[in-house]
Structures are given as C-alpha cells and as structure tokens.
Amino acid sequence: MPFVSMTEGLIAAAAAVLLTTLFGLLRVLRGPSLTDRIMAAQLVGTGSIGALLLAGIATGQAPLLDMALILALLAAFAIVAMVRTAPTRTSGADEPP
C-alpha cells in the first residue's frame, strides 16, 4: 500500500468536492424547477468554500482561506437575492384567510 501524504489527501478531497460542485452547477443551469436551482446554487457556494478551505490548508496559502471567507459572504447574499426575486406561487389554497 503506497504512502499518501496529508497534502496529497487534502488535494484529492478538494478535487472530489469540486467534482460534486460541477454536478451542482449543471443542476443550476438545467433546472427543472426553481427550487432545484436555488438548492443547487447553495451547493455550488458551499462546495466551492469547502474546496478552497481544503486547498488552502493543504498548500499553506492563507489567501485561499481569505477567498473562502469572502465567497461565504457572497454566497449568502446571492441566495437571499435569488429567493427574493423568485416568482411567488399564489394558488390560494395554502394562504390563510
């Protein structure tokens, strides 16, 4: 069994998280519903933050950790903006009298 260093393991984990994030990005682009797109956008933000943190710890690059923090703030605001601008359903059955 070959020895894998901690750095290589963290980089491999970051690559796996990025691959998952790419699948989420496809869901953002394709849909099918607005709820799926919003949840996939949340996945893309969270996955990107995780990949940046893993890569920053593996390489010892402090700016990657700063970028993850900035992305966390931007992702939160982006999700709020998506939800606020989303069209609302008014079927009438679920609304209180």
PDB file of N, CA and C in Angstrom:
ATOM      1  N   MET A   1       0.846  -1.178   0.000  1.00  0.00           N
ATOM      2  CA  MET A   1       0.000   0.000   0.000  1.00  0.00           C
ATOM      3  C   MET A   1       0.889   1.238   0.000  1.00  0.00           C
ATOM      4  N   PRO A   2       0.748   2.102  -1.005  1.00  0.00           N
ATOM      5  CA  PRO A   2       1.612   3.279  -1.077  1.00  0.00           C
ATOM      6  C   PRO A   2       1.230   4.311  -0.024  1.00  0.00           C
ATOM      7  N   PHE A   3       2.219   5.017   0.418  1.00  0.00           N
ATOM      8  CA  PHE A   3       2.012   6.059   1.415  1.00  0.00           C
ATOM      9  C   PHE A   3       1.521   7.333   0.730  1.00  0.00           C
ATOM     10  N   VAL A   4       0.462   7.900   1.242  1.00  0.00           N
ATOM     11  CA  VAL A   4      -0.084   9.149   0.705  1.00  0.00           C
ATOM     12  C   VAL A   4       0.084  10.213   1.773  1.00  0.00           C
ATOM     13  N   SER A   5       0.705  11.317   1.396  1.00  0.00           N
ATOM     14  CA  SER A   5       0.922  12.389   2.371  1.00  0.00           C
ATOM     15  C   SER A   5      -0.391  13.116   2.650  1.00  0.00           C
ATOM     16  N   MET A   6      -0.373  13.876   3.725  1.00  0.00           N
ATOM     17  CA  MET A   6      -1.566  14.631   4.110  1.00  0.00           C
ATOM     18  C   MET A   6      -1.916  15.663   3.033  1.00  0.00           C
ATOM     19  N   THR A   7      -0.893  16.269   2.449  1.00  0.00           N
ATOM     20  CA  THR A   7      -1.146  17.268   1.405  1.00  0.00           C
ATOM     21  C   THR A   7      -1.845  16.649   0.203  1.00  0.00           C
ATOM     22  N   GLU A   8      -1.365  15.495  -0.233  1.00  0.00           N
ATOM     23  CA  GLU A   8      -1.985  14.825  -1.377  1.00  0.00           C
ATOM     24  C   GLU A   8      -3.418  14.407  -1.067  1.00  0.00           C
ATOM     25  N   GLY A   9      -3.653  13.955   0.151  1.00  0.00           N
ATOM     26  CA  GLY A   9      -5.007  13.570   0.548  1.00  0.00           C
ATOM     27  C   GLY A   9      -5.960  14.749   0.567  1.00  0.00           C
ATOM     28  N   LEU A  10      -5.481  15.889   1.071  1.00  0.00           N
ATOM     29  CA  LEU A  10      -6.335  17.080   1.098  1.00  0.00           C
ATOM     30  C   LEU A  10      -6.613  17.613  -0.301  1.00  0.00           C
ATOM     31  N   ILE A  11      -5.610  17.556  -1.172  1.00  0.00           N
ATOM     32  CA  ILE A  11      -5.815  17.995  -2.554  1.00  0.00           C
ATOM     33  C   ILE A  11      -6.807  17.059  -3.254  1.00  0.00           C
ATOM     34  N   ALA A  12      -6.712  15.758  -2.990  1.00  0.00           N
ATOM     35  CA  ALA A  12      -7.660  14.811  -3.578  1.00  0.00           C
ATOM     36  C   ALA A  12      -9.071  15.073  -3.061  1.00  0.00           C
ATOM     37  N   ALA A  13      -9.194  15.392  -1.786  1.00  0.00           N
ATOM     38  CA  ALA A  13     -10.511  15.709  -1.225  1.00  0.00           C
ATOM     39  C   ALA A  13     -11.066  16.992  -1.852  1.00  0.00           C
ATOM     40  N   ALA A  14     -10.201  17.985  -2.055  1.00  0.00           N
ATOM     41  CA  ALA A  14     -10.644  19.228  -2.696  1.00  0.00           C
ATOM     42  C   ALA A  14     -11.111  18.965  -4.119  1.00  0.00           C
ATOM     43  N   ALA A  15     -10.402  18.085  -4.828  1.00  0.00           N
ATOM     44  CA  ALA A  15     -10.809  17.738  -6.197  1.00  0.00           C
ATOM     45  C   ALA A  15     -12.155  17.023  -6.201  1.00  0.00           C
ATOM     46  N   ALA A  16     -12.386  16.146  -5.229  1.00  0.00           N
ATOM     47  CA  ALA A  16     -13.669  15.442  -5.148  1.00  0.00           C
ATOM     48  C   ALA A  16     -14.809  16.412  -4.852  1.00  0.00           C
ATOM     49  N   VAL A  17     -14.555  17.376  -3.988  1.00  0.00           N
ATOM     50  CA  VAL A  17     -15.582  18.378  -3.674  1.00  0.00           C
ATOM     51  C   VAL A  17     -15.867  19.235  -4.899  1.00  0.00           C
ATOM     52  N   LEU A  18     -14.823  19.592  -5.643  1.00  0.00           N
ATOM     53  CA  LEU A  18     -15.033  20.376  -6.861  1.00  0.00           C
ATOM     54  C   LEU A  18     -15.830  19.601  -7.908  1.00  0.00           C
ATOM     55  N   LEU A  19     -15.595  18.301  -8.002  1.00  0.00           N
ATOM     56  CA  LEU A  19     -16.366  17.483  -8.938  1.00  0.00           C
ATOM     57  C   LEU A  19     -17.845  17.481  -8.557  1.00  0.00           C
ATOM     58  N   THR A  20     -18.135  17.359  -7.285  1.00  0.00           N
ATOM     59  CA  THR A  20     -19.512  17.426  -6.821  1.00  0.00           C
ATOM     60  C   THR A  20     -20.113  18.799  -7.116  1.00  0.00           C
ATOM     61  N   THR A  21     -19.310  19.833  -6.952  1.00  0.00           N
ATOM     62  CA  THR A  21     -19.767  21.186  -7.224  1.00  0.00           C
ATOM     63  C   THR A  21     -20.101  21.372  -8.702  1.00  0.00           C
ATOM     64  N   LEU A  22     -19.319  20.740  -9.575  1.00  0.00           N
ATOM     65  CA  LEU A  22     -19.617  20.830 -11.006  1.00  0.00           C
ATOM     66  C   LEU A  22     -20.956  20.178 -11.347  1.00  0.00           C
ATOM     67  N   PHE A  23     -21.263  19.061 -10.697  1.00  0.00           N
ATOM     68  CA  PHE A  23     -22.572  18.439 -10.912  1.00  0.00           C
ATOM     69  C   PHE A  23     -23.696  19.365 -10.435  1.00  0.00           C
ATOM     70  N   GLY A  24     -23.449  20.068  -9.337  1.00  0.00           N
ATOM     71  CA  GLY A  24     -24.428  21.037  -8.856  1.00  0.00           C
ATOM     72  C   GLY A  24     -24.600  22.192  -9.818  1.00  0.00           C
ATOM     73  N   LEU A  25     -23.505  22.605 -10.449  1.00  0.00           N
ATOM     74  CA  LEU A  25     -23.589  23.683 -11.428  1.00  0.00           C
ATOM     75  C   LEU A  25     -24.435  23.277 -12.628  1.00  0.00           C
ATOM     76  N   LEU A  26     -24.338  22.017 -13.030  1.00  0.00           N
ATOM     77  CA  LEU A  26     -25.207  21.526 -14.105  1.00  0.00           C
ATOM     78  C   LEU A  26     -26.677  21.611 -13.704  1.00  0.00           C
ATOM     79  N   ARG A  27     -26.976  21.310 -12.448  1.00  0.00           N
ATOM     80  CA  ARG A  27     -28.354  21.381 -11.973  1.00  0.00           C
ATOM     81  C   ARG A  27     -28.834  22.830 -11.946  1.00  0.00           C
ATOM     82  N   VAL A  28     -27.951  23.766 -11.632  1.00  0.00           N
ATOM     83  CA  VAL A  28     -28.334  25.180 -11.661  1.00  0.00           C
ATOM     84  C   VAL A  28     -28.725  25.587 -13.073  1.00  0.00           C
ATOM     85  N   LEU A  29     -27.975  25.117 -14.047  1.00  0.00           N
ATOM     86  CA  LEU A  29     -28.235  25.504 -15.429  1.00  0.00           C
ATOM     87  C   LEU A  29     -29.464  24.816 -16.025  1.00  0.00           C
ATOM     88  N   ARG A  30     -29.711  23.555 -15.627  1.00  0.00           N
ATOM     89  CA  ARG A  30     -30.786  22.777 -16.265  1.00  0.00           C
ATOM     90  C   ARG A  30     -32.105  22.790 -15.519  1.00  0.00           C
ATOM     91  N   GLY A  31     -32.107  23.018 -14.249  1.00  0.00           N
ATOM     92  CA  GLY A  31     -33.389  23.021 -13.530  1.00  0.00           C
ATOM     93  C   GLY A  31     -33.736  21.674 -12.942  1.00  0.00           C
ATOM     94  N   PRO A  32     -34.883  21.173 -12.996  1.00  0.00           N
ATOM     95  CA  PRO A  32     -36.092  21.535 -13.718  1.00  0.00           C
ATOM     96  C   PRO A  32     -36.923  22.614 -13.032  1.00  0.00           C
ATOM     97  N   SER A  33     -36.837  22.740 -11.725  1.00  0.00           N
ATOM     98  CA  SER A  33     -37.672  23.747 -11.070  1.00  0.00           C
ATOM     99  C   SER A  33     -36.793  24.810 -10.432  1.00  0.00           C
ATOM    100  N   LEU A  34     -37.417  25.895 -10.037  1.00  0.00           N
ATOM    101  CA  LEU A  34     -36.699  26.987  -9.401  1.00  0.00           C
ATOM    102  C   LEU A  34     -36.116  26.546  -8.058  1.00  0.00           C
ATOM    103  N   THR A  35     -36.839  25.726  -7.344  1.00  0.00           N
ATOM    104  CA  THR A  35     -36.336  25.227  -6.063  1.00  0.00           C
ATOM    105  C   THR A  35     -35.076  24.402  -6.258  1.00  0.00           C
ATOM    106  N   ASP A  36     -35.048  23.562  -7.282  1.00  0.00           N
ATOM    107  CA  ASP A  36     -33.843  22.789  -7.573  1.00  0.00           C
ATOM    108  C   ASP A  36     -32.672  23.699  -7.896  1.00  0.00           C
ATOM    109  N   ARG A  37     -32.924  24.743  -8.629  1.00  0.00           N
ATOM    110  CA  ARG A  37     -31.857  25.666  -8.998  1.00  0.00           C
ATOM    111  C   ARG A  37     -31.310  26.410  -7.781  1.00  0.00           C
ATOM    112  N   ILE A  38     -32.190  26.831  -6.899  1.00  0.00           N
ATOM    113  CA  ILE A  38     -31.748  27.547  -5.705  1.00  0.00           C
ATOM    114  C   ILE A  38     -30.940  26.622  -4.799  1.00  0.00           C
ATOM    115  N   MET A  39     -31.401  25.395  -4.610  1.00  0.00           N
ATOM    116  CA  MET A  39     -30.653  24.457  -3.768  1.00  0.00           C
ATOM    117  C   MET A  39     -29.313  24.088  -4.398  1.00  0.00           C
ATOM    118  N   ALA A  40     -29.277  23.966  -5.717  1.00  0.00           N
ATOM    119  CA  ALA A  40     -28.014  23.663  -6.390  1.00  0.00           C
ATOM    120  C   ALA A  40     -27.051  24.846  -6.298  1.00  0.00           C
ATOM    121  N   ALA A  41     -27.575  26.062  -6.359  1.00  0.00           N
ATOM    122  CA  ALA A  41     -26.715  27.234  -6.188  1.00  0.00           C
ATOM    123  C   ALA A  41     -26.119  27.263  -4.787  1.00  0.00           C
ATOM    124  N   GLN A  42     -26.893  26.860  -3.808  1.00  0.00           N
ATOM    125  CA  GLN A  42     -26.376  26.766  -2.440  1.00  0.00           C
ATOM    126  C   GLN A  42     -25.279  25.705  -2.370  1.00  0.00           C
ATOM    127  N   LEU A  43     -25.473  24.588  -3.062  1.00  0.00           N
ATOM    128  CA  LEU A  43     -24.452  23.533  -3.107  1.00  0.00           C
ATOM    129  C   LEU A  43     -23.179  24.028  -3.763  1.00  0.00           C
ATOM    130  N   VAL A  44     -23.305  24.783  -4.841  1.00  0.00           N
ATOM    131  CA  VAL A  44     -22.128  25.315  -5.537  1.00  0.00           C
ATOM    132  C   VAL A  44     -21.349  26.246  -4.603  1.00  0.00           C
ATOM    133  N   GLY A  45     -22.044  27.106  -3.901  1.00  0.00           N
ATOM    134  CA  GLY A  45     -21.368  28.010  -2.972  1.00  0.00           C
ATOM    135  C   GLY A  45     -20.676  27.259  -1.847  1.00  0.00           C
ATOM    136  N   THR A  46     -21.382  26.328  -1.239  1.00  0.00           N
ATOM    137  CA  THR A  46     -20.813  25.574  -0.131  1.00  0.00           C
ATOM    138  C   THR A  46     -19.662  24.686  -0.589  1.00  0.00           C
ATOM    139  N   GLY A  47     -19.815  24.047  -1.732  1.00  0.00           N
ATOM    140  CA  GLY A  47     -18.748  23.190  -2.248  1.00  0.00           C
ATOM    141  C   GLY A  47     -17.503  23.969  -2.608  1.00  0.00           C
ATOM    142  N   SER A  48     -17.699  25.141  -3.181  1.00  0.00           N
ATOM    143  CA  SER A  48     -16.553  25.978  -3.527  1.00  0.00           C
ATOM    144  C   SER A  48     -15.818  26.452  -2.281  1.00  0.00           C
ATOM    145  N   ILE A  49     -16.557  26.788  -1.260  1.00  0.00           N
ATOM    146  CA  ILE A  49     -15.944  27.196   0.007  1.00  0.00           C
ATOM    147  C   ILE A  49     -15.139  26.037   0.590  1.00  0.00           C
ATOM    148  N   GLY A  50     -15.725  24.856   0.588  1.00  0.00           N
ATOM    149  CA  GLY A  50     -15.020  23.685   1.112  1.00  0.00           C
ATOM    150  C   GLY A  50     -13.761  23.365   0.334  1.00  0.00           C
ATOM    151  N   ALA A  51     -13.835  23.453  -0.987  1.00  0.00           N
ATOM    152  CA  ALA A  51     -12.659  23.166  -1.812  1.00  0.00           C
ATOM    153  C   ALA A  51     -11.560  24.195  -1.572  1.00  0.00           C
ATOM    154  N   LEU A  52     -11.938  25.461  -1.447  1.00  0.00           N
ATOM    155  CA  LEU A  52     -10.942  26.490  -1.160  1.00  0.00           C
ATOM    156  C   LEU A  52     -10.288  26.272   0.201  1.00  0.00           C
ATOM    157  N   LEU A  53     -11.079  25.914   1.193  1.00  0.00           N
ATOM    158  CA  LEU A  53     -10.518  25.655   2.525  1.00  0.00           C
ATOM    159  C   LEU A  53      -9.566  24.468   2.503  1.00  0.00           C
ATOM    160  N   LEU A  54      -9.965  23.396   1.842  1.00  0.00           N
ATOM    161  CA  LEU A  54      -9.093  22.223   1.761  1.00  0.00           C
ATOM    162  C   LEU A  54      -7.794  22.541   1.026  1.00  0.00           C
ATOM    163  N   ALA A  55      -7.902  23.247  -0.088  1.00  0.00           N
ATOM    164  CA  ALA A  55      -6.702  23.600  -0.851  1.00  0.00           C
ATOM    165  C   ALA A  55      -5.821  24.572  -0.066  1.00  0.00           C
ATOM    166  N   GLY A  56      -6.428  25.493   0.646  1.00  0.00           N
ATOM    167  CA  GLY A  56      -5.651  26.445   1.442  1.00  0.00           C
ATOM    168  C   GLY A  56      -4.899  25.776   2.570  1.00  0.00           C
ATOM    169  N   ILE A  57      -5.530  24.828   3.230  1.00  0.00           N
ATOM    170  CA  ILE A  57      -4.860  24.098   4.311  1.00  0.00           C
ATOM    171  C   ILE A  57      -3.766  23.201   3.750  1.00  0.00           C
ATOM    172  N   ALA A  58      -4.036  22.568   2.612  1.00  0.00           N
ATOM    173  CA  ALA A  58      -3.057  21.645   2.030  1.00  0.00           C
ATOM    174  C   ALA A  58      -1.800  22.369   1.565  1.00  0.00           C
ATOM    175  N   THR A  59      -1.976  23.540   0.982  1.00  0.00           N
ATOM    176  CA  THR A  59      -0.829  24.248   0.424  1.00  0.00           C
ATOM    177  C   THR A  59      -0.244  25.292   1.362  1.00  0.00           C
ATOM    178  N   GLY A  60      -0.953  25.616   2.427  1.00  0.00           N
ATOM    179  CA  GLY A  60      -0.462  26.638   3.348  1.00  0.00           C
ATOM    180  C   GLY A  60      -0.619  28.049   2.814  1.00  0.00           C
ATOM    181  N   GLN A  61      -1.475  28.235   1.851  1.00  0.00           N
ATOM    182  CA  GLN A  61      -1.720  29.544   1.249  1.00  0.00           C
ATOM    183  C   GLN A  61      -2.857  30.248   1.994  1.00  0.00           C
ATOM    184  N   ALA A  62      -2.524  31.232   2.792  1.00  0.00           N
ATOM    185  CA  ALA A  62      -3.531  31.972   3.552  1.00  0.00           C
ATOM    186  C   ALA A  62      -4.527  32.715   2.660  1.00  0.00           C
ATOM    187  N   PRO A  63      -4.125  33.228   1.486  1.00  0.00           N
ATOM    188  CA  PRO A  63      -5.123  33.915   0.650  1.00  0.00           C
ATOM    189  C   PRO A  63      -6.282  33.008   0.212  1.00  0.00           C
ATOM    190  N   LEU A  64      -6.057  31.716   0.095  1.00  0.00           N
ATOM    191  CA  LEU A  64      -7.168  30.821  -0.256  1.00  0.00           C
ATOM    192  C   LEU A  64      -8.204  30.776   0.860  1.00  0.00           C
ATOM    193  N   LEU A  65      -7.743  30.855   2.096  1.00  0.00           N
ATOM    194  CA  LEU A  65      -8.681  30.885   3.218  1.00  0.00           C
ATOM    195  C   LEU A  65      -9.463  32.191   3.228  1.00  0.00           C
ATOM    196  N   ASP A  66      -8.792  33.288   2.885  1.00  0.00           N
ATOM    197  CA  ASP A  66      -9.491  34.579   2.786  1.00  0.00           C
ATOM    198  C   ASP A  66     -10.526  34.556   1.669  1.00  0.00           C
ATOM    199  N   MET A  67     -10.170  33.944   0.550  1.00  0.00           N
ATOM    200  CA  MET A  67     -11.117  33.839  -0.560  1.00  0.00           C
ATOM    201  C   MET A  67     -12.337  33.009  -0.167  1.00  0.00           C
ATOM    202  N   ALA A  68     -12.128  31.970   0.632  1.00  0.00           N
ATOM    203  CA  ALA A  68     -13.252  31.150   1.092  1.00  0.00           C
ATOM    204  C   ALA A  68     -14.189  31.971   1.972  1.00  0.00           C
ATOM    205  N   LEU A  69     -13.623  32.809   2.828  1.00  0.00           N
ATOM    206  CA  LEU A  69     -14.447  33.662   3.683  1.00  0.00           C
ATOM    207  C   LEU A  69     -15.252  34.658   2.856  1.00  0.00           C
ATOM    208  N   ILE A  70     -14.623  35.275   1.878  1.00  0.00           N
ATOM    209  CA  ILE A  70     -15.327  36.226   1.009  1.00  0.00           C
ATOM    210  C   ILE A  70     -16.420  35.519   0.220  1.00  0.00           C
ATOM    211  N   LEU A  71     -16.120  34.320  -0.288  1.00  0.00           N
ATOM    212  CA  LEU A  71     -17.122  33.562  -1.040  1.00  0.00           C
ATOM    213  C   LEU A  71     -18.297  33.171  -0.153  1.00  0.00           C
ATOM    214  N   ALA A  72     -18.037  32.876   1.112  1.00  0.00           N
ATOM    215  CA  ALA A  72     -19.128  32.545   2.030  1.00  0.00           C
ATOM    216  C   ALA A  72     -20.082  33.728   2.189  1.00  0.00           C
ATOM    217  N   LEU A  73     -19.526  34.917   2.306  1.00  0.00           N
ATOM    218  CA  LEU A  73     -20.382  36.107   2.415  1.00  0.00           C
ATOM    219  C   LEU A  73     -21.155  36.360   1.129  1.00  0.00           C
ATOM    220  N   LEU A  74     -20.473  36.258  -0.004  1.00  0.00           N
ATOM    221  CA  LEU A  74     -21.138  36.493  -1.284  1.00  0.00           C
ATOM    222  C   LEU A  74     -22.205  35.444  -1.583  1.00  0.00           C
ATOM    223  N   ALA A  75     -21.930  34.194  -1.242  1.00  0.00           N
ATOM    224  CA  ALA A  75     -22.899  33.125  -1.500  1.00  0.00           C
ATOM    225  C   ALA A  75     -24.172  33.340  -0.684  1.00  0.00           C
ATOM    226  N   ALA A  76     -24.016  33.785   0.552  1.00  0.00           N
ATOM    227  CA  ALA A  76     -25.198  34.029   1.379  1.00  0.00           C
ATOM    228  C   ALA A  76     -26.056  35.140   0.777  1.00  0.00           C
ATOM    229  N   PHE A  77     -25.425  36.217   0.342  1.00  0.00           N
ATOM    230  CA  PHE A  77     -26.184  37.312  -0.271  1.00  0.00           C
ATOM    231  C   PHE A  77     -26.791  36.891  -1.603  1.00  0.00           C
ATOM    232  N   ALA A  78     -26.088  36.076  -2.362  1.00  0.00           N
ATOM    233  CA  ALA A  78     -26.615  35.635  -3.656  1.00  0.00           C
ATOM    234  C   ALA A  78     -27.863  34.776  -3.475  1.00  0.00           C
ATOM    235  N   ILE A  79     -27.860  33.900  -2.485  1.00  0.00           N
ATOM    236  CA  ILE A  79     -29.028  33.052  -2.245  1.00  0.00           C
ATOM    237  C   ILE A  79     -30.212  33.901  -1.790  1.00  0.00           C
ATOM    238  N   VAL A  80     -29.968  34.862  -0.932  1.00  0.00           N
ATOM    239  CA  VAL A  80     -31.052  35.741  -0.494  1.00  0.00           C
ATOM    240  C   VAL A  80     -31.624  36.495  -1.696  1.00  0.00           C
ATOM    241  N   ALA A  81     -30.757  36.978  -2.574  1.00  0.00           N
ATOM    242  CA  ALA A  81     -31.228  37.698  -3.764  1.00  0.00           C
ATOM    243  C   ALA A  81     -32.025  36.781  -4.681  1.00  0.00           C
ATOM    244  N   MET A  82     -31.577  35.528  -4.844  1.00  0.00           N
ATOM    245  CA  MET A  82     -32.317  34.595  -5.697  1.00  0.00           C
ATOM    246  C   MET A  82     -33.704  34.325  -5.137  1.00  0.00           C
ATOM    247  N   VAL A  83     -33.789  34.150  -3.836  1.00  0.00           N
ATOM    248  CA  VAL A  83     -35.080  33.836  -3.222  1.00  0.00           C
ATOM    249  C   VAL A  83     -36.004  35.051  -3.280  1.00  0.00           C
ATOM    250  N   ARG A  84     -35.457  36.233  -3.040  1.00  0.00           N
ATOM    251  CA  ARG A  84     -36.299  37.438  -3.053  1.00  0.00           C
ATOM    252  C   ARG A  84     -36.817  37.773  -4.435  1.00  0.00           C
ATOM    253  N   THR A  85     -36.064  37.469  -5.472  1.00  0.00           N
ATOM    254  CA  THR A  85     -36.502  37.790  -6.827  1.00  0.00           C
ATOM    255  C   THR A  85     -37.267  36.657  -7.488  1.00  0.00           C
ATOM    256  N   ALA A  86     -37.373  35.521  -6.801  1.00  0.00           N
ATOM    257  CA  ALA A  86     -38.098  34.388  -7.369  1.00  0.00           C
ATOM    258  C   ALA A  86     -39.594  34.698  -7.421  1.00  0.00           C
ATOM    259  N   PRO A  87     -40.241  34.275  -8.484  1.00  0.00           N
ATOM    260  CA  PRO A  87     -41.693  34.491  -8.542  1.00  0.00           C
ATOM    261  C   PRO A  87     -42.398  33.660  -7.476  1.00  0.00           C
ATOM    262  N   THR A  88     -43.430  34.227  -6.890  1.00  0.00           N
ATOM    263  CA  THR A  88     -44.170  33.513  -5.854  1.00  0.00           C
ATOM    264  C   THR A  88     -45.373  32.816  -6.458  1.00  0.00           C
ATOM    265  N   ARG A  89     -45.690  31.680  -5.865  1.00  0.00           N
ATOM    266  CA  ARG A  89     -46.892  30.957  -6.308  1.00  0.00           C
ATOM    267  C   ARG A  89     -48.070  31.433  -5.493  1.00  0.00           C
ATOM    268  N   THR A  90     -49.148  31.734  -6.162  1.00  0.00           N
ATOM    269  CA  THR A  90     -50.359  32.166  -5.464  1.00  0.00           C
ATOM    270  C   THR A  90     -51.509  31.281  -5.919  1.00  0.00           C
ATOM    271  N   SER A  91     -51.567  30.115  -5.316  1.00  0.00           N
ATOM    272  CA  SER A  91     -52.650  29.201  -5.674  1.00  0.00           C
ATOM    273  C   SER A  91     -53.914  29.500  -4.878  1.00  0.00           C
ATOM    274  N   GLY A  92     -53.737  30.138  -3.711  1.00  0.00           N
ATOM    275  CA  GLY A  92     -54.912  30.483  -2.922  1.00  0.00           C
ATOM    276  C   GLY A  92     -55.275  29.427  -1.899  1.00  0.00           C
ATOM    277  N   ALA A  93     -54.940  28.178  -2.130  1.00  0.00           N
ATOM    278  CA  ALA A  93     -55.332  27.111  -1.220  1.00  0.00           C
ATOM    279  C   ALA A  93     -54.494  27.105   0.037  1.00  0.00           C
ATOM    280  N   ASP A  94     -53.227  27.498  -0.049  1.00  0.00           N
ATOM    281  CA  ASP A  94     -52.331  27.432   1.105  1.00  0.00           C
ATOM    282  C   ASP A  94     -52.309  28.724   1.911  1.00  0.00           C
ATOM    283  N   GLU A  95     -52.963  29.758   1.440  1.00  0.00           N
ATOM    284  CA  GLU A  95     -52.927  31.029   2.114  1.00  0.00           C
ATOM    285  C   GLU A  95     -53.943  31.075   3.256  1.00  0.00           C
ATOM    286  N   PRO A  96     -53.575  31.705   4.354  1.00  0.00           N
ATOM    287  CA  PRO A  96     -54.537  31.843   5.455  1.00  0.00           C
ATOM    288  C   PRO A  96     -55.644  32.821   5.074  1.00  0.00           C
ATOM    289  N   PRO A  97     -56.816  32.689   5.685  1.00  0.00           N
ATOM    290  CA  PRO A  97     -57.937  33.583   5.331  1.00  0.00           C
ATOM    291  C   PRO A  97     -57.694  35.010   5.785  1.00  0.00           C
TER     292      PRO A  97
END
